[in-house]
Amino acid sequence: HVIRGGTPLKAKLMTGEKLELRELQIAADRDAARF
């Protein structure tokens, strides 16, 4: 539900480093996702 907000989607570490996201996977039976 965090990424459901839509594009553009950006992720940045608390250190300030931007993350380069590739393959997306969604959990089959729970509210979870991972890039």
PDB file of all heavy atoms in Angstrom:
ATOM      1  N   HIS A   1       0.814  -1.216   0.000  1.00  0.00           N
ATOM      2  CA  HIS A   1       0.000   0.000   0.000  1.00  0.00           C
ATOM      3  C   HIS A   1       0.848   1.266   0.000  1.00  0.00           C
ATOM      4  O   HIS A   1       0.363   2.337  -0.333  1.00  0.00           O
ATOM      5  CB  HIS A   1      -1.001   0.007   1.172  1.00  0.00           C
ATOM      6  CG  HIS A   1      -0.421   0.329   2.509  1.00  0.00           C
ATOM      7  ND1 HIS A   1      -0.142  -0.625   3.466  1.00  0.00           N
ATOM      8  CD2 HIS A   1      -0.099   1.517   3.073  1.00  0.00           C
ATOM      9  CE1 HIS A   1       0.326  -0.042   4.545  1.00  0.00           C
ATOM     10  NE2 HIS A   1       0.371   1.256   4.339  1.00  0.00           N
ATOM     11  N   VAL A   2       2.124   1.163   0.353  1.00  0.00           N
ATOM     12  CA  VAL A   2       3.015   2.329   0.307  1.00  0.00           C
ATOM     13  C   VAL A   2       3.310   2.728  -1.135  1.00  0.00           C
ATOM     14  O   VAL A   2       3.293   3.899  -1.485  1.00  0.00           O
ATOM     15  CB  VAL A   2       4.328   2.053   1.064  1.00  0.00           C
ATOM     16  CG1 VAL A   2       5.353   3.160   0.798  1.00  0.00           C
ATOM     17  CG2 VAL A   2       4.070   1.947   2.565  1.00  0.00           C
ATOM     18  N   ILE A   3       3.553   1.739  -1.994  1.00  0.00           N
ATOM     19  CA  ILE A   3       3.892   2.055  -3.388  1.00  0.00           C
ATOM     20  C   ILE A   3       2.650   2.202  -4.253  1.00  0.00           C
ATOM     21  O   ILE A   3       2.735   2.593  -5.414  1.00  0.00           O
ATOM     22  CB  ILE A   3       4.837   0.994  -3.992  1.00  0.00           C
ATOM     23  CG1 ILE A   3       4.154  -0.377  -4.083  1.00  0.00           C
ATOM     24  CG2 ILE A   3       6.107   0.895  -3.169  1.00  0.00           C
ATOM     25  CD1 ILE A   3       4.968  -1.414  -4.847  1.00  0.00           C
ATOM     26  N   ARG A   4       1.465   1.903  -3.682  1.00  0.00           N
ATOM     27  CA  ARG A   4       0.222   2.013  -4.438  1.00  0.00           C
ATOM     28  C   ARG A   4      -0.081   3.462  -4.818  1.00  0.00           C
ATOM     29  O   ARG A   4      -0.918   3.724  -5.679  1.00  0.00           O
ATOM     30  CB  ARG A   4      -0.945   1.444  -3.636  1.00  0.00           C
ATOM     31  CG  ARG A   4      -2.187   1.141  -4.439  1.00  0.00           C
ATOM     32  CD  ARG A   4      -3.305   0.619  -3.541  1.00  0.00           C
ATOM     33  NE  ARG A   4      -2.949  -0.626  -2.889  1.00  0.00           N
ATOM     34  CZ  ARG A   4      -3.701  -1.231  -1.976  1.00  0.00           C
ATOM     35  NH1 ARG A   4      -4.842  -0.676  -1.594  1.00  0.00           N
ATOM     36  NH2 ARG A   4      -3.311  -2.368  -1.438  1.00  0.00           N
ATOM     37  N   GLY A   5       0.599   4.408  -4.161  1.00  0.00           N
ATOM     38  CA  GLY A   5       0.372   5.821  -4.457  1.00  0.00           C
ATOM     39  C   GLY A   5       0.649   6.196  -5.893  1.00  0.00           C
ATOM     40  O   GLY A   5       0.140   7.207  -6.377  1.00  0.00           O
ATOM     41  N   GLY A   6       1.463   5.400  -6.597  1.00  0.00           N
ATOM     42  CA  GLY A   6       1.679   5.645  -8.024  1.00  0.00           C
ATOM     43  C   GLY A   6       2.989   6.332  -8.356  1.00  0.00           C
ATOM     44  O   GLY A   6       3.750   6.734  -7.485  1.00  0.00           O
ATOM     45  N   THR A   7       3.224   6.469  -9.640  1.00  0.00           N
ATOM     46  CA  THR A   7       4.457   7.068 -10.134  1.00  0.00           C
ATOM     47  C   THR A   7       4.318   8.586 -10.190  1.00  0.00           C
ATOM     48  O   THR A   7       3.196   9.102 -10.307  1.00  0.00           O
ATOM     49  CB  THR A   7       4.791   6.533 -11.540  1.00  0.00           C
ATOM     50  OG1 THR A   7       3.656   6.755 -12.388  1.00  0.00           O
ATOM     51  CG2 THR A   7       5.112   5.061 -11.492  1.00  0.00           C
ATOM     52  N   PRO A   8       5.438   9.328 -10.146  1.00  0.00           N
ATOM     53  CA  PRO A   8       6.816   8.840 -10.020  1.00  0.00           C
ATOM     54  C   PRO A   8       7.107   8.310  -8.621  1.00  0.00           C
ATOM     55  O   PRO A   8       6.658   8.876  -7.634  1.00  0.00           O
ATOM     56  CB  PRO A   8       7.652  10.088 -10.314  1.00  0.00           C
ATOM     57  CG  PRO A   8       6.769  11.225  -9.901  1.00  0.00           C
ATOM     58  CD  PRO A   8       5.372  10.797 -10.213  1.00  0.00           C
ATOM     59  N   LEU A   9       7.852   7.206  -8.576  1.00  0.00           N
ATOM     60  CA  LEU A   9       8.207   6.573  -7.317  1.00  0.00           C
ATOM     61  C   LEU A   9       9.713   6.728  -7.103  1.00  0.00           C
ATOM     62  O   LEU A   9      10.515   6.381  -7.970  1.00  0.00           O
ATOM     63  CB  LEU A   9       7.834   5.087  -7.351  1.00  0.00           C
ATOM     64  CG  LEU A   9       8.036   4.324  -6.050  1.00  0.00           C
ATOM     65  CD1 LEU A   9       6.928   4.655  -5.062  1.00  0.00           C
ATOM     66  CD2 LEU A   9       8.076   2.819  -6.299  1.00  0.00           C
ATOM     67  N   LYS A  10      10.085   7.251  -5.925  1.00  0.00           N
ATOM     68  CA  LYS A  10      11.498   7.473  -5.618  1.00  0.00           C
ATOM     69  C   LYS A  10      11.809   6.900  -4.253  1.00  0.00           C
ATOM     70  O   LYS A  10      10.972   6.937  -3.350  1.00  0.00           O
ATOM     71  CB  LYS A  10      11.821   8.969  -5.633  1.00  0.00           C
ATOM     72  CG  LYS A  10      11.569   9.660  -6.966  1.00  0.00           C
ATOM     73  CD  LYS A  10      11.848  11.147  -6.871  1.00  0.00           C
ATOM     74  CE  LYS A  10      11.537  11.858  -8.181  1.00  0.00           C
ATOM     75  NZ  LYS A  10      11.777  13.319  -8.092  1.00  0.00           N
ATOM     76  N   ALA A  11      13.020   6.373  -4.108  1.00  0.00           N
ATOM     77  CA  ALA A  11      13.459   5.833  -2.825  1.00  0.00           C
ATOM     78  C   ALA A  11      14.861   6.355  -2.520  1.00  0.00           C
ATOM     79  O   ALA A  11      15.741   6.350  -3.378  1.00  0.00           O
ATOM     80  CB  ALA A  11      13.453   4.308  -2.858  1.00  0.00           C
ATOM     81  N   LYS A  12      15.034   6.809  -1.288  1.00  0.00           N
ATOM     82  CA  LYS A  12      16.322   7.382  -0.886  1.00  0.00           C
ATOM     83  C   LYS A  12      16.661   6.878   0.512  1.00  0.00           C
ATOM     84  O   LYS A  12      15.836   6.929   1.429  1.00  0.00           O
ATOM     85  CB  LYS A  12      16.246   8.905  -0.891  1.00  0.00           C
ATOM     86  CG  LYS A  12      17.551   9.585  -0.541  1.00  0.00           C
ATOM     87  CD  LYS A  12      17.383  11.108  -0.418  1.00  0.00           C
ATOM     88  CE  LYS A  12      16.996  11.724  -1.739  1.00  0.00           C
ATOM     89  NZ  LYS A  12      16.978  13.215  -1.644  1.00  0.00           N
ATOM     90  N   LEU A  13      17.892   6.382   0.678  1.00  0.00           N
ATOM     91  CA  LEU A  13      18.348   5.933   1.988  1.00  0.00           C
ATOM     92  C   LEU A  13      18.448   7.106   2.949  1.00  0.00           C
ATOM     93  O   LEU A  13      18.574   8.262   2.538  1.00  0.00           O
ATOM     94  CB  LEU A  13      19.709   5.243   1.881  1.00  0.00           C
ATOM     95  CG  LEU A  13      19.753   3.886   1.168  1.00  0.00           C
ATOM     96  CD1 LEU A  13      21.187   3.414   1.010  1.00  0.00           C
ATOM     97  CD2 LEU A  13      18.928   2.841   1.915  1.00  0.00           C
ATOM     98  N   MET A  14      18.426   6.807   4.251  1.00  0.00           N
ATOM     99  CA  MET A  14      18.555   7.859   5.245  1.00  0.00           C
ATOM    100  C   MET A  14      19.916   8.530   5.186  1.00  0.00           C
ATOM    101  O   MET A  14      20.092   9.632   5.702  1.00  0.00           O
ATOM    102  CB  MET A  14      18.306   7.282   6.643  1.00  0.00           C
ATOM    103  CG  MET A  14      16.919   6.675   6.823  1.00  0.00           C
ATOM    104  SD  MET A  14      15.570   7.780   6.327  1.00  0.00           S
ATOM    105  CE  MET A  14      15.827   9.147   7.445  1.00  0.00           C
ATOM    106  N   THR A  15      20.854   7.899   4.531  1.00  0.00           N
ATOM    107  CA  THR A  15      22.169   8.505   4.333  1.00  0.00           C
ATOM    108  C   THR A  15      22.131   9.543   3.216  1.00  0.00           C
ATOM    109  O   THR A  15      23.100  10.262   2.995  1.00  0.00           O
ATOM    110  CB  THR A  15      23.202   7.431   3.962  1.00  0.00           C
ATOM    111  OG1 THR A  15      22.768   6.767   2.761  1.00  0.00           O
ATOM    112  CG2 THR A  15      23.346   6.411   5.069  1.00  0.00           C
ATOM    113  N   GLY A  16      21.026   9.612   2.486  1.00  0.00           N
ATOM    114  CA  GLY A  16      20.892  10.548   1.372  1.00  0.00           C
ATOM    115  C   GLY A  16      21.112   9.914   0.021  1.00  0.00           C
ATOM    116  O   GLY A  16      20.856  10.537  -1.016  1.00  0.00           O
ATOM    117  N   GLU A  17      21.542   8.662   0.004  1.00  0.00           N
ATOM    118  CA  GLU A  17      21.829   7.980  -1.261  1.00  0.00           C
ATOM    119  C   GLU A  17      20.543   7.529  -1.943  1.00  0.00           C
ATOM    120  O   GLU A  17      19.678   6.894  -1.325  1.00  0.00           O
ATOM    121  CB  GLU A  17      22.724   6.768  -0.995  1.00  0.00           C
ATOM    122  CG  GLU A  17      23.139   6.023  -2.260  1.00  0.00           C
ATOM    123  CD  GLU A  17      24.025   4.829  -1.958  1.00  0.00           C
ATOM    124  OE1 GLU A  17      24.345   4.608  -0.769  1.00  0.00           O
ATOM    125  OE2 GLU A  17      24.378   4.103  -2.915  1.00  0.00           O
ATOM    126  N   LYS A  18      20.395   7.852  -3.230  1.00  0.00           N
ATOM    127  CA  LYS A  18      19.228   7.442  -4.001  1.00  0.00           C
ATOM    128  C   LYS A  18      19.383   5.974  -4.409  1.00  0.00           C
ATOM    129  O   LYS A  18      20.476   5.518  -4.728  1.00  0.00           O
ATOM    130  CB  LYS A  18      19.058   8.309  -5.243  1.00  0.00           C
ATOM    131  CG  LYS A  18      18.729   9.759  -4.929  1.00  0.00           C
ATOM    132  CD  LYS A  18      18.549  10.567  -6.211  1.00  0.00           C
ATOM    133  CE  LYS A  18      18.220  12.016  -5.892  1.00  0.00           C
ATOM    134  NZ  LYS A  18      18.061  12.833  -7.124  1.00  0.00           N
ATOM    135  N   LEU A  19      18.269   5.266  -4.425  1.00  0.00           N
ATOM    136  CA  LEU A  19      18.290   3.852  -4.786  1.00  0.00           C
ATOM    137  C   LEU A  19      17.790   3.654  -6.210  1.00  0.00           C
ATOM    138  O   LEU A  19      16.821   4.288  -6.631  1.00  0.00           O
ATOM    139  CB  LEU A  19      17.411   3.050  -3.824  1.00  0.00           C
ATOM    140  CG  LEU A  19      17.856   3.024  -2.356  1.00  0.00           C
ATOM    141  CD1 LEU A  19      16.850   2.247  -1.518  1.00  0.00           C
ATOM    142  CD2 LEU A  19      19.249   2.408  -2.221  1.00  0.00           C
ATOM    143  N   GLU A  20      18.443   2.771  -6.920  1.00  0.00           N
ATOM    144  CA  GLU A  20      18.028   2.417  -8.273  1.00  0.00           C
ATOM    145  C   GLU A  20      17.213   1.130  -8.195  1.00  0.00           C
ATOM    146  O   GLU A  20      17.737   0.063  -7.870  1.00  0.00           O
ATOM    147  CB  GLU A  20      19.247   2.222  -9.178  1.00  0.00           C
ATOM    148  CG  GLU A  20      18.886   1.984 -10.635  1.00  0.00           C
ATOM    149  CD  GLU A  20      20.112   1.839 -11.528  1.00  0.00           C
ATOM    150  OE1 GLU A  20      21.229   2.163 -11.061  1.00  0.00           O
ATOM    151  OE2 GLU A  20      19.949   1.403 -12.685  1.00  0.00           O
ATOM    152  N   LEU A  21      15.906   1.250  -8.480  1.00  0.00           N
ATOM    153  CA  LEU A  21      14.990   0.125  -8.315  1.00  0.00           C
ATOM    154  C   LEU A  21      14.765  -0.580  -9.645  1.00  0.00           C
ATOM    155  O   LEU A  21      14.552   0.057 -10.665  1.00  0.00           O
ATOM    156  CB  LEU A  21      13.650   0.619  -7.761  1.00  0.00           C
ATOM    157  CG  LEU A  21      13.734   1.474  -6.496  1.00  0.00           C
ATOM    158  CD1 LEU A  21      12.348   1.913  -6.066  1.00  0.00           C
ATOM    159  CD2 LEU A  21      14.435   0.721  -5.366  1.00  0.00           C
ATOM    160  N   ARG A  22      14.753  -1.887  -9.615  1.00  0.00           N
ATOM    161  CA  ARG A  22      14.552  -2.678 -10.832  1.00  0.00           C
ATOM    162  C   ARG A  22      13.318  -3.583 -10.695  1.00  0.00           C
ATOM    163  O   ARG A  22      12.203  -3.092 -10.554  1.00  0.00           O
ATOM    164  CB  ARG A  22      15.811  -3.492 -11.125  1.00  0.00           C
ATOM    165  CG  ARG A  22      17.030  -2.641 -11.496  1.00  0.00           C
ATOM    166  CD  ARG A  22      16.861  -1.967 -12.854  1.00  0.00           C
ATOM    167  NE  ARG A  22      17.980  -1.093 -13.164  1.00  0.00           N
ATOM    168  CZ  ARG A  22      19.112  -1.494 -13.743  1.00  0.00           C
ATOM    169  NH1 ARG A  22      19.267  -2.778 -14.046  1.00  0.00           N
ATOM    170  NH2 ARG A  22      20.070  -0.633 -14.008  1.00  0.00           N
ATOM    171  N   GLU A  23      13.519  -4.871 -10.701  1.00  0.00           N
ATOM    172  CA  GLU A  23      12.414  -5.832 -10.706  1.00  0.00           C
ATOM    173  C   GLU A  23      11.482  -5.629  -9.506  1.00  0.00           C
ATOM    174  O   GLU A  23      11.939  -5.417  -8.376  1.00  0.00           O
ATOM    175  CB  GLU A  23      12.975  -7.260 -10.678  1.00  0.00           C
ATOM    176  CG  GLU A  23      11.901  -8.342 -10.668  1.00  0.00           C
ATOM    177  CD  GLU A  23      12.505  -9.730 -10.495  1.00  0.00           C
ATOM    178  OE1 GLU A  23      13.742  -9.867 -10.601  1.00  0.00           O
ATOM    179  OE2 GLU A  23      11.729 -10.683 -10.271  1.00  0.00           O
ATOM    180  N   LEU A  24      10.177  -5.702  -9.768  1.00  0.00           N
ATOM    181  CA  LEU A  24       9.176  -5.566  -8.713  1.00  0.00           C
ATOM    182  C   LEU A  24       8.516  -6.915  -8.454  1.00  0.00           C
ATOM    183  O   LEU A  24       8.119  -7.621  -9.379  1.00  0.00           O
ATOM    184  CB  LEU A  24       8.099  -4.558  -9.126  1.00  0.00           C
ATOM    185  CG  LEU A  24       6.853  -4.472  -8.231  1.00  0.00           C
ATOM    186  CD1 LEU A  24       7.225  -4.019  -6.821  1.00  0.00           C
ATOM    187  CD2 LEU A  24       5.817  -3.523  -8.845  1.00  0.00           C
ATOM    188  N   GLN A  25       8.390  -7.262  -7.181  1.00  0.00           N
ATOM    189  CA  GLN A  25       7.685  -8.469  -6.777  1.00  0.00           C
ATOM    190  C   GLN A  25       6.657  -8.116  -5.707  1.00  0.00           C
ATOM    191  O   GLN A  25       6.913  -7.287  -4.835  1.00  0.00           O
ATOM    192  CB  GLN A  25       8.650  -9.532  -6.239  1.00  0.00           C
ATOM    193  CG  GLN A  25       9.605 -10.071  -7.298  1.00  0.00           C
ATOM    194  CD  GLN A  25      10.474 -11.202  -6.770  1.00  0.00           C
ATOM    195  OE1 GLN A  25      10.640 -11.374  -5.570  1.00  0.00           O
ATOM    196  NE2 GLN A  25      11.039 -11.978  -7.683  1.00  0.00           N
ATOM    197  N   ILE A  26       5.477  -8.740  -5.788  1.00  0.00           N
ATOM    198  CA  ILE A  26       4.388  -8.517  -4.846  1.00  0.00           C
ATOM    199  C   ILE A  26       4.107  -9.818  -4.107  1.00  0.00           C
ATOM    200  O   ILE A  26       4.097 -10.892  -4.718  1.00  0.00           O
ATOM    201  CB  ILE A  26       3.104  -8.049  -5.562  1.00  0.00           C
ATOM    202  CG1 ILE A  26       3.379  -6.825  -6.443  1.00  0.00           C
ATOM    203  CG2 ILE A  26       2.003  -7.746  -4.546  1.00  0.00           C
ATOM    204  CD1 ILE A  26       3.777  -5.586  -5.691  1.00  0.00           C
ATOM    205  N   ALA A  27       3.891  -9.734  -2.796  1.00  0.00           N
ATOM    206  CA  ALA A  27       3.566 -10.926  -2.017  1.00  0.00           C
ATOM    207  C   ALA A  27       2.204 -11.458  -2.438  1.00  0.00           C
ATOM    208  O   ALA A  27       1.270 -10.688  -2.668  1.00  0.00           O
ATOM    209  CB  ALA A  27       3.577 -10.605  -0.533  1.00  0.00           C
ATOM    210  N   ALA A  28       2.095 -12.771  -2.516  1.00  0.00           N
ATOM    211  CA  ALA A  28       0.856 -13.392  -2.999  1.00  0.00           C
ATOM    212  C   ALA A  28      -0.289 -13.274  -2.007  1.00  0.00           C
ATOM    213  O   ALA A  28      -1.457 -13.238  -2.394  1.00  0.00           O
ATOM    214  CB  ALA A  28       1.110 -14.865  -3.323  1.00  0.00           C
ATOM    215  N   ASP A  29       0.017 -13.215  -0.706  1.00  0.00           N
ATOM    216  CA  ASP A  29      -1.057 -13.305   0.284  1.00  0.00           C
ATOM    217  C   ASP A  29      -0.968 -12.288   1.420  1.00  0.00           C
ATOM    218  O   ASP A  29      -1.576 -12.475   2.473  1.00  0.00           O
ATOM    219  CB  ASP A  29      -1.091 -14.713   0.885  1.00  0.00           C
ATOM    220  CG  ASP A  29       0.200 -15.053   1.623  1.00  0.00           C
ATOM    221  OD1 ASP A  29       1.201 -14.302   1.490  1.00  0.00           O
ATOM    222  OD2 ASP A  29       0.211 -16.059   2.355  1.00  0.00           O
ATOM    223  N   ARG A  30      -0.184 -11.217   1.234  1.00  0.00           N
ATOM    224  CA  ARG A  30      -0.068 -10.223   2.301  1.00  0.00           C
ATOM    225  C   ARG A  30       0.334  -8.871   1.729  1.00  0.00           C
ATOM    226  O   ARG A  30       0.760  -8.769   0.573  1.00  0.00           O
ATOM    227  CB  ARG A  30       0.929 -10.678   3.360  1.00  0.00           C
ATOM    228  CG  ARG A  30       2.353 -10.843   2.869  1.00  0.00           C
ATOM    229  CD  ARG A  30       3.161 -11.761   3.772  1.00  0.00           C
ATOM    230  NE  ARG A  30       2.737 -13.145   3.620  1.00  0.00           N
ATOM    231  CZ  ARG A  30       3.224 -14.156   4.333  1.00  0.00           C
ATOM    232  NH1 ARG A  30       4.130 -13.943   5.275  1.00  0.00           N
ATOM    233  NH2 ARG A  30       2.799 -15.390   4.129  1.00  0.00           N
ATOM    234  N   ASP A  31       0.196  -7.816   2.523  1.00  0.00           N
ATOM    235  CA  ASP A  31       0.486  -6.450   2.096  1.00  0.00           C
ATOM    236  C   ASP A  31       1.988  -6.199   2.139  1.00  0.00           C
ATOM    237  O   ASP A  31       2.509  -5.558   3.048  1.00  0.00           O
ATOM    238  CB  ASP A  31      -0.255  -5.469   3.011  1.00  0.00           C
ATOM    239  CG  ASP A  31      -0.105  -4.016   2.575  1.00  0.00           C
ATOM    240  OD1 ASP A  31       0.616  -3.754   1.596  1.00  0.00           O
ATOM    241  OD2 ASP A  31      -0.718  -3.144   3.238  1.00  0.00           O
ATOM    242  N   ALA A  32       2.684  -6.723   1.144  1.00  0.00           N
ATOM    243  CA  ALA A  32       4.137  -6.577   1.083  1.00  0.00           C
ATOM    244  C   ALA A  32       4.590  -6.527  -0.368  1.00  0.00           C
ATOM    245  O   ALA A  32       3.972  -7.138  -1.246  1.00  0.00           O
ATOM    246  CB  ALA A  32       4.830  -7.721   1.818  1.00  0.00           C
ATOM    247  N   ALA A  33       5.658  -5.784  -0.592  1.00  0.00           N
ATOM    248  CA  ALA A  33       6.243  -5.676  -1.931  1.00  0.00           C
ATOM    249  C   ALA A  33       7.737  -5.494  -1.778  1.00  0.00           C
ATOM    250  O   ALA A  33       8.226  -5.069  -0.716  1.00  0.00           O
ATOM    251  CB  ALA A  33       5.631  -4.501  -2.693  1.00  0.00           C
ATOM    252  N   ARG A  34       8.474  -5.805  -2.843  1.00  0.00           N
ATOM    253  CA  ARG A  34       9.908  -5.565  -2.793  1.00  0.00           C
ATOM    254  C   ARG A  34      10.445  -5.290  -4.187  1.00  0.00           C
ATOM    255  O   ARG A  34       9.947  -5.826  -5.182  1.00  0.00           O
ATOM    256  CB  ARG A  34      10.646  -6.752  -2.167  1.00  0.00           C
ATOM    257  CG  ARG A  34      10.619  -8.042  -2.981  1.00  0.00           C
ATOM    258  CD  ARG A  34      11.404  -9.141  -2.266  1.00  0.00           C
ATOM    259  NE  ARG A  34      11.538 -10.347  -3.093  1.00  0.00           N
ATOM    260  CZ  ARG A  34      12.235 -11.418  -2.741  1.00  0.00           C
ATOM    261  NH1 ARG A  34      12.860 -11.455  -1.569  1.00  0.00           N
ATOM    262  NH2 ARG A  34      12.324 -12.468  -3.550  1.00  0.00           N
ATOM    263  N   PHE A  35      11.453  -4.412  -4.245  1.00  0.00           N
ATOM    264  CA  PHE A  35      12.155  -4.076  -5.477  1.00  0.00           C
ATOM    265  C   PHE A  35      13.587  -4.597  -5.382  1.00  0.00           C
ATOM    266  O   PHE A  35      14.234  -4.467  -4.330  1.00  0.00           O
ATOM    267  CB  PHE A  35      12.232  -2.566  -5.682  1.00  0.00           C
ATOM    268  CG  PHE A  35      10.946  -1.907  -6.087  1.00  0.00           C
ATOM    269  CD1 PHE A  35      10.122  -1.342  -5.132  1.00  0.00           C
ATOM    270  CD2 PHE A  35      10.591  -1.829  -7.430  1.00  0.00           C
ATOM    271  CE1 PHE A  35       8.944  -0.706  -5.505  1.00  0.00           C
ATOM    272  CE2 PHE A  35       9.421  -1.200  -7.805  1.00  0.00           C
ATOM    273  CZ  PHE A  35       8.592  -0.640  -6.844  1.00  0.00           C
TER     274      PHE A  35
END
